[in-house]
Amino acid sequence: MPSRIRTGIAGAAFLAAMLAGAAALAEPQRGGTLRVYHRENPASASMHEEASIATVMPFMAVFNNLVVYNQQAERNDPDDLTAELATEWQWSADHRRLTFRLREGVTWHDGKPFTSADVKCTWDTIAGWRNAGWRKNPRRDWYANLQAVETSGDFEVSFLLGRPQPSFIAFLASGMSPVYPCHVDGRTMRQKPIGTGPFRVVEFRPNNSIELARNPAYWRPGRPYLDAITYRIIRNRSTRILAFAAGEFDLTFQSDVTAPLLRDLAGQAPSAVCEFHSSNVTGQILINRETPPFDNPEIRRAVALAVDHQAYVDILSEGRFALGGALLVPPAGVWGVTAQDLAEAGVEGWTGSVEQRRAAARRIMQALGYGPDNPLRTKVSTRDIATYRDPAVIMIDQLKAIHIEAELQTFDTSLWYGHMARPGWTLAMNLNGAAIDDPDVVLFENYACDSGRNYPRYCNRDLERRFTEQSMTLDRAARLRLVREIDIQLQRDVARPILYHSGGATCRYPHVHGIRLAKNSIYNHWRLEDAWMAPR
């Protein structure tokens, strides 16, 4: 359950003083530099080429979407969107054409005018119809149903779909869906991107810092309030938490503060305000189905049986993480199945006791020739940041119980996704974030046979046809039933054994205002045009 925690000082007098101060500062203050720490080096600054919060959090403020999720709402809801580069939009009667009227008078940070051609260029590139010099295109699978992008003059654009897809506008509202300029090449967008957003990039120094400055020509009157935002990259989690506690930063990186660290902050930073939310990120075991011996379904089955889900929850979050299938579980999510749902459906890995499951896994391994004196030796790959390494160590320890001896192999963020896209790896501990709480993102991106992000090479063509069926189902209740049936089958197939649904705390000092965190995604609330700071 999401919660808001004020570390340290409490009491009626303190709360009264805070409320009085808040009333006095009802009007946003202008100026100031928001100082944020960053946990790692972003692979690049190009939003469309990356799939990590490492890029989204600092660079979302540089851009605009056609529409975006309400930045001040508690949850991302496709029925609660804010117009940005579009001023209005309308579906055709058959739900296959979505037309946007565009905002006039908007300029890019380099002074060139924004037009419908920029929208067409952006999605023609995502769809693979245009070469803009991108090195990666992680969200191409989101738009498999997109047939064409048509312009009508400089300020109208239409997206033509092959079939009805009610979730399509939700894709466009994600923080990962900015409009790019036609006239800027891919290399520039990776190093010093040009946007229309409230902030412009002053400098991106890899492994050091990111500096953004107020866009004086921003199209929304009176925004942004801040003069600048700076991100300083500090890879060591203890070091950056200590720096925040010492007042070197105003805001932590999204969800970087773990449940145990909240206790430390209570003593070190008594005025800090911390919010602990679900992140819509799942901890997963990825099993390469094409690399022996994990091409054997019995070994994959044994790995799934070895998992003690509750141990991850207890060790990593002191009981705060949730358990369930591939989609975000209620109450934070809308579509997911819970651990109880999976147990009631009889899904292996979710029934019986941990020891009963592991005993069954050992029998499988022994039948294949493995045992205490002849363990299966392999490597577990993961990303070289604490939120990946910590569960990877737990995973390795749990695998020992079924005669699998694994060595930890870590990769820098800039190399991680490239490593997973190549053949040869066997097991991996992965955190997979869903940009939005919608089945089309999770199912097509991670489980479709031909998706570039289907790292385990899972493929079930019959089930994939059901992905399409749920996608075009307009009745929400009927779609929900289909989605939950699909999710249960994915767990039966050991497609990507789901370990937990993670979360974390994001902390700020009380002088920071205008930032609202969403309960169902970490990726979509970093436009920061409403952020402001009171005098300290």
Protein backbone atom coordinates (compact mmCIF):
# COMPACT_ATOMS: atom_id res chain seq x y z
CA MET A 1 0.00 0.00 0.00
CA PRO A 2 1.37 3.45 -0.80
CA SER A 3 2.03 5.63 2.20
CA ARG A 4 3.38 9.05 3.08
CA ILE A 5 5.89 9.19 5.86
CA ARG A 6 7.26 12.26 7.62
CA THR A 7 10.51 11.26 9.25
CA GLY A 8 11.30 12.53 12.69
CA ILE A 9 9.48 15.52 14.22
CA ALA A 10 5.76 15.28 14.85
CA GLY A 11 3.26 16.85 17.17
CA ALA A 12 0.40 19.31 17.04
CA ALA A 13 2.55 22.44 17.34
CA PHE A 14 4.79 21.37 14.49
CA LEU A 15 1.86 20.49 12.26
CA ALA A 16 0.15 23.80 13.03
CA ALA A 17 3.31 25.67 12.09
CA MET A 18 3.61 23.71 8.87
CA LEU A 19 0.00 24.40 7.92
CA ALA A 20 0.43 28.11 8.62
CA GLY A 21 3.56 28.16 6.52
CA ALA A 22 1.82 26.31 3.70
CA ALA A 23 -1.05 28.82 3.74
CA ALA A 24 1.42 31.71 3.56
CA LEU A 25 3.08 30.11 0.57
CA ALA A 26 -0.06 29.17 -1.34
CA GLU A 27 1.26 31.10 -4.33
CA PRO A 28 4.21 29.39 -6.05
CA GLN A 29 7.53 31.17 -5.68
CA ARG A 30 9.71 31.85 -8.72
CA GLY A 31 13.39 31.11 -9.07
CA GLY A 32 15.88 28.75 -7.52
CA THR A 33 17.70 25.61 -8.56
CA LEU A 34 16.28 22.21 -7.68
CA ARG A 35 19.16 19.93 -6.70
CA VAL A 36 18.57 16.21 -7.28
CA TYR A 37 20.90 13.26 -6.94
CA HIS A 38 20.98 10.60 -9.65
CA ARG A 39 21.79 7.00 -8.87
CA GLU A 40 23.60 6.09 -12.14
CA ASN A 41 24.82 7.31 -15.49
CA PRO A 42 22.03 7.43 -18.11
CA ALA A 43 22.95 5.46 -21.21
CA SER A 44 21.99 8.55 -23.23
CA ALA A 45 19.68 11.56 -23.12
CA SER A 46 17.45 10.24 -25.91
CA MET A 47 14.05 9.40 -24.43
CA HIS A 48 12.97 7.33 -27.43
CA GLU A 49 16.14 5.23 -27.43
CA GLU A 50 16.16 4.32 -23.74
CA ALA A 51 13.91 2.25 -21.49
CA SER A 52 15.06 3.31 -18.04
CA ILE A 53 14.01 5.80 -15.39
CA ALA A 54 17.69 6.80 -15.48
CA THR A 55 16.91 8.75 -18.68
CA VAL A 56 13.24 9.55 -18.11
CA MET A 57 13.54 11.35 -14.76
CA PRO A 58 16.13 13.98 -15.78
CA PHE A 59 15.12 14.46 -19.42
CA MET A 60 11.30 14.32 -19.40
CA ALA A 61 11.36 18.01 -18.44
CA VAL A 62 13.07 18.85 -21.75
CA PHE A 63 10.14 17.71 -23.89
CA ASN A 64 6.40 17.77 -24.42
CA ASN A 65 3.93 15.12 -25.55
CA LEU A 66 0.81 15.57 -27.58
CA VAL A 67 -1.01 14.75 -24.34
CA VAL A 68 0.38 13.75 -20.95
CA TYR A 69 -0.98 12.21 -17.77
CA ASN A 70 -2.21 14.84 -15.31
CA GLN A 71 0.98 15.75 -13.48
CA GLN A 72 -0.87 16.60 -10.26
CA ALA A 73 -3.06 13.49 -10.07
CA GLU A 74 -2.35 10.67 -7.61
CA ARG A 75 -2.46 8.05 -10.35
CA ASN A 76 -1.98 7.89 -14.10
CA ASP A 77 -5.43 7.55 -15.64
CA PRO A 78 -6.09 7.58 -19.42
CA ASP A 79 -9.32 9.44 -18.69
CA ASP A 80 -7.38 12.25 -16.98
CA LEU A 81 -5.01 13.70 -19.57
CA THR A 82 -3.51 17.15 -19.98
CA ALA A 83 -3.23 18.78 -23.40
CA GLU A 84 0.32 19.73 -24.31
CA LEU A 85 1.32 20.05 -27.97
CA ALA A 86 -2.22 19.03 -28.87
CA THR A 87 -5.16 21.24 -27.92
CA GLU A 88 -7.96 18.77 -28.69
CA TRP A 89 -8.39 15.23 -29.98
CA GLN A 90 -11.12 12.94 -31.25
CA TRP A 91 -11.60 9.27 -32.14
CA SER A 92 -13.42 8.22 -35.28
CA ALA A 93 -16.59 6.18 -34.86
CA ASP A 94 -14.78 2.91 -35.66
CA HIS A 95 -11.97 3.67 -33.15
CA ARG A 96 -9.33 3.39 -35.87
CA ARG A 97 -8.43 7.05 -36.42
CA LEU A 98 -7.28 9.40 -33.67
CA THR A 99 -6.99 13.03 -34.77
CA PHE A 100 -5.22 15.83 -32.90
CA ARG A 101 -5.46 19.57 -33.38
CA LEU A 102 -2.02 21.01 -32.56
CA ARG A 103 -0.94 24.04 -30.60
CA GLU A 104 0.24 26.98 -32.70
CA GLY A 105 3.14 29.29 -31.90
CA VAL A 106 5.31 26.66 -30.16
CA THR A 107 9.05 26.73 -30.87
CA TRP A 108 11.83 24.23 -30.27
CA HIS A 109 14.66 25.21 -27.95
CA ASP A 110 16.71 26.23 -31.00
CA GLY A 111 13.97 28.61 -32.13
CA LYS A 112 12.57 26.59 -35.02
CA PRO A 113 8.76 26.25 -35.19
CA PHE A 114 6.92 23.10 -34.08
CA THR A 115 4.51 21.68 -36.69
CA SER A 116 2.63 18.49 -37.53
CA ALA A 117 5.69 17.36 -39.52
CA ASP A 118 7.55 16.85 -36.23
CA VAL A 119 4.80 14.56 -34.94
CA LYS A 120 4.84 12.53 -38.14
CA CYS A 121 8.65 12.30 -38.13
CA THR A 122 8.65 11.06 -34.53
CA TRP A 123 6.17 8.24 -35.02
CA ASP A 124 7.40 7.33 -38.50
CA THR A 125 10.77 6.74 -36.82
CA ILE A 126 9.29 4.71 -33.96
CA ALA A 127 7.35 2.59 -36.47
CA GLY A 128 10.55 1.96 -38.46
CA TRP A 129 9.45 3.85 -41.57
CA ARG A 130 12.08 6.59 -41.22
CA ASN A 131 15.77 6.58 -40.28
CA ALA A 132 16.61 9.33 -37.79
CA GLY A 133 19.92 7.85 -36.70
CA TRP A 134 18.60 6.14 -33.58
CA ARG A 135 20.64 3.23 -32.25
CA LYS A 136 17.76 1.62 -30.35
CA ASN A 137 13.97 1.69 -30.57
CA PRO A 138 12.60 -0.05 -27.45
CA ARG A 139 8.98 1.02 -27.88
CA ARG A 140 8.48 0.05 -31.50
CA ASP A 141 6.31 -2.87 -30.36
CA TRP A 142 3.88 -0.48 -28.69
CA TYR A 143 2.95 0.78 -32.14
CA ALA A 144 2.60 -2.48 -34.07
CA ASN A 145 -1.03 -1.57 -34.75
CA LEU A 146 -0.14 1.85 -36.20
CA GLN A 147 -0.68 1.86 -39.97
CA ALA A 148 0.08 5.48 -40.87
CA VAL A 149 0.50 9.01 -39.55
CA GLU A 150 -1.19 11.63 -41.71
CA THR A 151 -0.93 15.41 -41.53
CA SER A 152 -3.48 17.98 -42.66
CA GLY A 153 -1.70 21.30 -42.78
CA ASP A 154 0.80 22.36 -40.13
CA PHE A 155 -1.49 21.90 -37.15
CA GLU A 156 -3.46 18.69 -37.55
CA VAL A 157 -2.27 15.11 -37.41
CA SER A 158 -4.04 11.74 -37.42
CA PHE A 159 -2.92 8.29 -36.29
CA LEU A 160 -4.47 5.48 -38.38
CA LEU A 161 -4.77 2.08 -36.70
CA GLY A 162 -5.22 -1.35 -38.24
CA ARG A 163 -7.83 -2.31 -35.64
CA PRO A 164 -9.59 -0.66 -32.71
CA GLN A 165 -7.23 -0.12 -29.77
CA PRO A 166 -8.68 1.92 -26.89
CA SER A 167 -5.35 2.02 -25.04
CA PHE A 168 -3.52 3.77 -27.90
CA ILE A 169 -3.90 7.26 -26.43
CA ALA A 170 -2.46 5.97 -23.14
CA PHE A 171 0.79 5.22 -25.00
CA LEU A 172 0.95 8.81 -26.24
CA ALA A 173 0.47 10.14 -22.69
CA SER A 174 3.47 8.27 -21.26
CA GLY A 175 6.56 10.19 -20.21
CA MET A 176 8.36 7.99 -22.73
CA SER A 177 6.38 9.43 -25.66
CA PRO A 178 7.72 12.95 -26.35
CA VAL A 179 7.57 14.62 -29.74
CA TYR A 180 11.01 14.94 -31.34
CA PRO A 181 12.11 17.61 -33.83
CA CYS A 182 12.44 16.55 -37.48
CA HIS A 183 15.51 18.69 -38.03
CA VAL A 184 17.72 17.24 -35.24
CA ASP A 185 19.74 14.05 -35.77
CA GLY A 186 19.90 11.06 -33.44
CA ARG A 187 23.43 11.77 -32.21
CA THR A 188 22.46 15.24 -30.99
CA MET A 189 19.37 13.86 -29.24
CA ARG A 190 21.57 11.40 -27.35
CA GLN A 191 24.00 14.09 -26.16
CA LYS A 192 22.18 17.44 -25.91
CA PRO A 193 18.56 16.95 -26.97
CA ILE A 194 16.33 19.69 -28.35
CA GLY A 195 12.75 19.80 -27.07
CA THR A 196 9.84 22.18 -26.61
CA GLY A 197 9.59 21.54 -22.86
CA PRO A 198 9.83 23.81 -19.82
CA PHE A 199 13.58 23.19 -19.44
CA ARG A 200 16.45 23.03 -21.90
CA VAL A 201 19.67 21.04 -21.59
CA VAL A 202 22.68 23.15 -20.65
CA GLU A 203 25.10 20.28 -20.18
CA PHE A 204 25.11 16.49 -19.89
CA ARG A 205 28.40 15.28 -18.46
CA PRO A 206 28.31 11.45 -18.43
CA ASN A 207 29.17 9.90 -15.06
CA ASN A 208 29.10 13.36 -13.50
CA SER A 209 26.06 15.62 -13.85
CA ILE A 210 23.10 16.92 -15.85
CA GLU A 211 22.19 20.59 -15.89
CA LEU A 212 18.85 21.96 -17.10
CA ALA A 213 17.84 25.62 -17.33
CA ARG A 214 14.46 27.34 -17.61
CA ASN A 215 13.14 27.66 -21.17
CA PRO A 216 12.34 31.40 -21.40
CA ALA A 217 10.22 30.84 -24.54
CA TYR A 218 8.06 28.09 -23.06
CA TRP A 219 4.58 28.11 -24.56
CA ARG A 220 2.70 27.73 -21.26
CA PRO A 221 2.44 31.21 -19.68
CA GLY A 222 4.12 31.53 -16.30
CA ARG A 223 5.84 28.14 -16.37
CA PRO A 224 8.20 26.81 -15.25
CA TYR A 225 8.74 28.35 -11.84
CA LEU A 226 12.29 27.06 -11.28
CA ASP A 227 15.33 28.68 -12.86
CA ALA A 228 17.25 25.42 -13.13
CA ILE A 229 17.46 21.74 -12.19
CA THR A 230 20.74 19.95 -11.56
CA TYR A 231 21.31 16.22 -11.23
CA ARG A 232 24.56 14.94 -9.75
CA ILE A 233 25.42 11.30 -10.38
CA ILE A 234 26.43 9.38 -7.25
CA ARG A 235 26.63 5.64 -7.79
CA ASN A 236 27.05 4.59 -4.16
CA ARG A 237 23.67 4.50 -2.42
CA SER A 238 25.02 5.13 1.08
CA THR A 239 26.99 8.14 -0.15
CA ARG A 240 24.03 9.75 -1.89
CA ILE A 241 21.67 9.17 1.05
CA LEU A 242 24.21 10.77 3.38
CA ALA A 243 24.54 13.71 0.97
CA PHE A 244 20.77 14.19 0.96
CA ALA A 245 20.66 14.02 4.76
CA ALA A 246 23.41 16.65 4.88
CA GLY A 247 21.27 19.02 2.80
CA GLU A 248 23.32 18.82 -0.41
CA PHE A 249 20.18 17.88 -2.35
CA ASP A 250 16.55 18.93 -2.28
CA LEU A 251 15.11 15.74 -3.80
CA THR A 252 16.18 12.11 -4.02
CA PHE A 253 16.11 9.97 -7.11
CA GLN A 254 12.71 8.34 -7.75
CA SER A 255 12.02 5.40 -5.39
CA ASP A 256 15.69 5.16 -4.39
CA VAL A 257 15.07 5.12 -0.64
CA THR A 258 14.42 1.60 0.61
CA ALA A 259 12.26 0.73 3.60
CA PRO A 260 15.30 0.14 5.85
CA LEU A 261 16.86 3.45 4.77
CA LEU A 262 13.71 5.32 5.82
CA ARG A 263 14.60 4.53 9.43
CA ASP A 264 18.07 5.98 8.97
CA LEU A 265 16.67 9.16 7.44
CA ALA A 266 14.36 9.60 10.43
CA GLY A 267 17.41 10.41 12.52
CA GLN A 268 19.59 12.04 9.88
CA ALA A 269 17.02 14.25 8.12
CA PRO A 270 14.12 14.78 10.54
CA SER A 271 12.33 17.29 8.31
CA ALA A 272 12.39 15.17 5.13
CA VAL A 273 9.07 14.19 3.58
CA CYS A 274 9.12 10.73 2.04
CA GLU A 275 6.46 8.97 -0.03
CA PHE A 276 6.58 5.20 -0.49
CA HIS A 277 4.70 4.03 -3.58
CA SER A 278 4.43 1.06 -5.86
CA SER A 279 6.69 1.64 -8.84
CA ASN A 280 4.97 -0.60 -11.42
CA VAL A 281 8.30 -2.40 -11.65
CA THR A 282 8.50 -6.18 -11.25
CA GLY A 283 11.45 -8.20 -10.07
CA GLN A 284 11.82 -11.08 -12.51
CA ILE A 285 13.95 -14.10 -13.25
CA LEU A 286 14.77 -14.15 -16.96
CA ILE A 287 15.60 -17.58 -18.36
CA ASN A 288 17.13 -17.82 -21.82
CA ARG A 289 15.09 -20.51 -23.56
CA GLU A 290 17.62 -20.85 -26.38
CA THR A 291 20.75 -21.51 -24.30
CA PRO A 292 21.35 -25.07 -22.98
CA PRO A 293 20.55 -26.45 -20.51
CA PHE A 294 17.79 -23.87 -19.93
CA ASP A 295 16.23 -24.76 -23.25
CA ASN A 296 14.88 -27.75 -21.28
CA PRO A 297 11.42 -26.81 -19.93
CA GLU A 298 11.93 -29.05 -16.89
CA ILE A 299 14.90 -26.99 -15.72
CA ARG A 300 12.89 -23.81 -16.18
CA ARG A 301 10.12 -25.40 -14.16
CA ALA A 302 12.61 -26.24 -11.38
CA VAL A 303 13.85 -22.65 -11.27
CA ALA A 304 10.28 -21.38 -10.83
CA LEU A 305 9.63 -23.90 -8.06
CA ALA A 306 12.75 -22.79 -6.17
CA VAL A 307 11.48 -19.25 -5.58
CA ASP A 308 10.58 -18.08 -2.09
CA HIS A 309 8.65 -14.92 -3.02
CA GLN A 310 8.02 -13.80 0.54
CA ALA A 311 11.74 -13.83 1.32
CA TYR A 312 12.31 -11.16 -1.34
CA VAL A 313 9.49 -9.06 0.09
CA ASP A 314 10.72 -9.36 3.66
CA ILE A 315 14.42 -8.80 2.96
CA LEU A 316 14.15 -6.04 0.38
CA SER A 317 11.15 -4.08 1.60
CA GLU A 318 10.27 -5.16 5.16
CA GLY A 319 6.95 -6.45 3.84
CA ARG A 320 6.01 -3.48 1.62
CA PHE A 321 6.37 -5.10 -1.82
CA ALA A 322 3.37 -6.89 -3.36
CA LEU A 323 3.12 -10.35 -4.93
CA GLY A 324 1.35 -11.38 -8.10
CA GLY A 325 1.61 -11.88 -11.84
CA ALA A 326 2.97 -9.79 -14.69
CA LEU A 327 0.63 -6.80 -14.36
CA LEU A 328 0.51 -4.39 -11.44
CA VAL A 329 -1.63 -5.89 -8.70
CA PRO A 330 -4.50 -4.13 -6.94
CA PRO A 331 -4.96 -1.78 -5.20
CA ALA A 332 -2.16 0.13 -6.94
CA GLY A 333 -2.96 -1.49 -10.29
CA VAL A 334 -6.11 -2.25 -12.23
CA TRP A 335 -5.33 -5.35 -14.28
CA GLY A 336 -3.09 -7.65 -12.24
CA VAL A 337 -3.66 -11.02 -10.58
CA THR A 338 -2.61 -11.47 -6.97
CA ALA A 339 -0.60 -14.26 -5.36
CA GLN A 340 -3.88 -15.66 -4.02
CA ASP A 341 -5.36 -15.68 -7.54
CA LEU A 342 -2.35 -17.64 -8.81
CA ALA A 343 -2.51 -20.11 -5.92
CA GLU A 344 -6.24 -20.66 -6.45
CA ALA A 345 -5.57 -21.26 -10.16
CA GLY A 346 -3.06 -23.97 -9.20
CA VAL A 347 -0.03 -22.29 -10.79
CA GLU A 348 3.17 -24.12 -9.86
CA GLY A 349 5.49 -21.91 -7.87
CA TRP A 350 2.54 -20.36 -6.05
CA THR A 351 1.00 -23.44 -4.35
CA GLY A 352 2.17 -25.45 -1.37
CA SER A 353 4.99 -24.56 0.98
CA VAL A 354 8.41 -23.36 -0.13
CA GLU A 355 10.03 -26.60 1.02
CA GLN A 356 7.45 -28.72 -0.82
CA ARG A 357 8.16 -26.80 -4.02
CA ARG A 358 11.91 -27.06 -3.61
CA ALA A 359 11.71 -30.78 -2.93
CA ALA A 360 9.85 -31.15 -6.25
CA ALA A 361 12.50 -29.00 -7.95
CA ARG A 362 15.32 -31.16 -6.56
CA ARG A 363 13.64 -34.27 -7.91
CA ILE A 364 13.53 -32.67 -11.36
CA MET A 365 17.19 -31.69 -11.19
CA GLN A 366 18.28 -35.11 -9.93
CA ALA A 367 16.38 -36.82 -12.75
CA LEU A 368 18.43 -34.70 -15.15
CA GLY A 369 21.71 -35.74 -13.52
CA TYR A 370 22.31 -32.82 -11.14
CA GLY A 371 22.82 -33.06 -7.40
CA PRO A 372 24.95 -31.97 -4.42
CA ASP A 373 28.10 -33.41 -5.99
CA ASN A 374 27.27 -32.31 -9.53
CA PRO A 375 25.51 -28.94 -9.44
CA LEU A 376 24.48 -27.05 -12.54
CA ARG A 377 27.02 -24.23 -12.79
CA THR A 378 25.99 -21.01 -14.51
CA LYS A 379 26.00 -17.21 -14.23
CA VAL A 380 23.30 -14.80 -13.15
CA SER A 381 23.51 -11.53 -15.10
CA THR A 382 22.22 -8.27 -13.67
CA ARG A 383 22.57 -4.50 -13.86
CA ASP A 384 25.25 -2.98 -11.64
CA ILE A 385 23.02 -0.98 -9.29
CA ALA A 386 21.87 -1.94 -5.82
CA THR A 387 18.20 -2.48 -6.70
CA TYR A 388 19.32 -5.21 -9.13
CA ARG A 389 22.32 -6.63 -7.28
CA ASP A 390 20.53 -7.15 -3.96
CA PRO A 391 17.75 -9.41 -5.34
CA ALA A 392 20.29 -11.16 -7.58
CA VAL A 393 22.21 -12.23 -4.46
CA ILE A 394 18.97 -13.60 -2.95
CA MET A 395 18.21 -15.39 -6.21
CA ILE A 396 21.64 -17.06 -6.26
CA ASP A 397 21.20 -18.19 -2.67
CA GLN A 398 17.76 -19.68 -3.38
CA LEU A 399 18.99 -21.54 -6.45
CA LYS A 400 21.57 -23.36 -4.32
CA ALA A 401 18.65 -25.19 -2.68
CA ILE A 402 17.96 -27.00 -5.98
CA HIS A 403 21.58 -27.77 -7.01
CA ILE A 404 22.21 -24.70 -9.16
CA GLU A 405 25.49 -22.91 -8.37
CA ALA A 406 25.46 -19.46 -9.96
CA GLU A 407 28.08 -16.72 -10.19
CA LEU A 408 27.00 -13.04 -10.22
CA GLN A 409 27.86 -11.13 -13.40
CA THR A 410 27.12 -7.36 -13.39
CA PHE A 411 26.84 -4.83 -16.21
CA ASP A 412 26.83 -1.05 -16.32
CA THR A 413 23.49 0.48 -17.33
CA SER A 414 24.95 1.58 -20.68
CA LEU A 415 25.73 -2.09 -21.50
CA TRP A 416 22.87 -3.91 -19.75
CA TYR A 417 20.16 -3.91 -22.41
CA GLY A 418 22.67 -4.68 -25.15
CA HIS A 419 23.85 -7.71 -23.17
CA MET A 420 20.30 -8.99 -22.77
CA ALA A 421 19.58 -8.58 -26.48
CA ARG A 422 22.52 -10.82 -27.42
CA PRO A 423 22.43 -14.64 -27.29
CA GLY A 424 24.41 -16.76 -24.86
CA TRP A 425 23.38 -15.58 -21.40
CA THR A 426 21.51 -18.12 -19.25
CA LEU A 427 19.86 -16.56 -16.18
CA ALA A 428 19.29 -12.94 -15.31
CA MET A 429 17.81 -10.95 -12.45
CA ASN A 430 15.88 -8.12 -14.05
CA LEU A 431 13.66 -5.26 -12.94
CA ASN A 432 11.07 -4.56 -15.60
CA GLY A 433 9.15 -1.31 -15.45
CA ALA A 434 5.83 -0.71 -17.15
CA ALA A 435 5.59 2.89 -18.28
CA ILE A 436 1.81 2.75 -17.93
CA ASP A 437 -0.63 0.44 -16.19
CA ASP A 438 -2.08 -1.10 -19.34
CA PRO A 439 -1.94 -4.68 -20.64
CA ASP A 440 -0.92 -3.66 -24.17
CA VAL A 441 2.39 -2.30 -22.89
CA VAL A 442 3.23 -5.27 -20.69
CA LEU A 443 2.02 -8.05 -22.98
CA PHE A 444 3.24 -6.90 -26.39
CA GLU A 445 6.54 -5.44 -25.19
CA ASN A 446 7.62 -8.34 -22.98
CA TYR A 447 5.86 -11.46 -24.23
CA ALA A 448 5.10 -11.07 -27.96
CA CYS A 449 7.15 -13.58 -29.94
CA ASP A 450 8.91 -11.03 -32.14
CA SER A 451 9.36 -8.21 -29.61
CA GLY A 452 12.87 -6.85 -29.30
CA ARG A 453 12.43 -6.72 -25.52
CA ASN A 454 11.32 -10.34 -25.20
CA TYR A 455 14.74 -11.25 -23.84
CA PRO A 456 13.91 -14.84 -22.73
CA ARG A 457 12.64 -15.65 -26.28
CA TYR A 458 9.32 -16.85 -24.92
CA CYS A 459 6.78 -17.52 -27.67
CA ASN A 460 3.19 -18.75 -27.49
CA ARG A 461 1.42 -17.80 -30.73
CA ASP A 462 -1.99 -18.97 -29.52
CA LEU A 463 -1.71 -16.82 -26.40
CA GLU A 464 -0.42 -13.91 -28.47
CA ARG A 465 -3.65 -13.97 -30.45
CA ARG A 466 -5.41 -13.39 -27.14
CA PHE A 467 -3.14 -10.35 -26.58
CA THR A 468 -4.73 -8.87 -29.68
CA GLU A 469 -8.22 -9.94 -28.61
CA GLN A 470 -7.98 -8.14 -25.26
CA SER A 471 -6.40 -5.11 -26.91
CA MET A 472 -9.38 -4.46 -29.17
CA THR A 473 -12.02 -5.25 -26.53
CA LEU A 474 -13.89 -2.04 -25.75
CA ASP A 475 -15.88 -3.39 -22.79
CA ARG A 476 -13.63 -2.87 -19.77
CA ALA A 477 -14.99 -5.74 -17.66
CA ALA A 478 -14.65 -8.21 -20.54
CA ARG A 479 -11.12 -6.99 -21.20
CA LEU A 480 -10.22 -7.41 -17.53
CA ARG A 481 -11.36 -11.06 -17.57
CA LEU A 482 -9.28 -11.77 -20.68
CA VAL A 483 -6.20 -10.07 -19.28
CA ARG A 484 -6.29 -12.02 -16.04
CA GLU A 485 -6.66 -15.31 -17.90
CA ILE A 486 -3.65 -14.38 -20.03
CA ASP A 487 -1.56 -13.41 -17.01
CA ILE A 488 -2.26 -16.71 -15.27
CA GLN A 489 -1.21 -18.61 -18.39
CA LEU A 490 2.04 -16.64 -18.63
CA GLN A 491 2.89 -17.74 -15.08
CA ARG A 492 2.04 -21.36 -15.93
CA ASP A 493 4.36 -21.15 -18.93
CA VAL A 494 7.24 -19.86 -16.75
CA ALA A 495 7.56 -17.05 -19.28
CA ARG A 496 9.28 -14.72 -16.82
CA PRO A 497 8.96 -15.90 -13.20
CA ILE A 498 7.69 -12.84 -11.30
CA LEU A 499 9.38 -12.43 -7.93
CA TYR A 500 7.66 -9.31 -6.59
CA HIS A 501 6.14 -5.95 -7.44
CA SER A 502 8.55 -3.38 -6.10
CA GLY A 503 8.25 0.08 -4.65
CA GLY A 504 10.35 2.64 -2.90
CA ALA A 505 10.39 6.02 -1.25
CA THR A 506 11.15 9.34 -2.89
CA CYS A 507 12.15 12.04 -0.40
CA ARG A 508 12.21 15.82 -0.52
CA TYR A 509 12.62 18.66 1.89
CA PRO A 510 9.53 20.72 2.85
CA HIS A 511 10.65 23.73 0.79
CA VAL A 512 10.08 21.70 -2.41
CA HIS A 513 6.53 21.98 -3.77
CA GLY A 514 4.53 21.11 -6.88
CA ILE A 515 5.79 17.57 -7.43
CA ARG A 516 3.14 14.85 -7.24
CA LEU A 517 4.14 11.18 -7.40
CA ALA A 518 1.87 8.64 -9.07
CA LYS A 519 0.84 5.45 -7.30
CA ASN A 520 0.96 3.31 -10.43
CA SER A 521 4.08 4.34 -12.35
CA ILE A 522 7.45 6.01 -11.75
CA TYR A 523 7.88 7.13 -15.37
CA ASN A 524 5.30 9.80 -16.13
CA HIS A 525 5.40 12.64 -13.58
CA TRP A 526 8.70 14.38 -14.28
CA ARG A 527 7.69 17.34 -16.48
CA LEU A 528 8.42 19.52 -13.41
CA GLU A 529 6.89 22.69 -14.87
CA ASP A 530 4.82 23.05 -11.67
CA ALA A 531 7.72 22.46 -9.28
CA TRP A 532 8.76 25.37 -7.09
CA MET A 533 10.77 26.06 -3.97
CA ALA A 534 9.99 28.19 -0.94
CA PRO A 535 12.73 30.11 0.86
CA ARG A 536 14.71 27.82 3.14
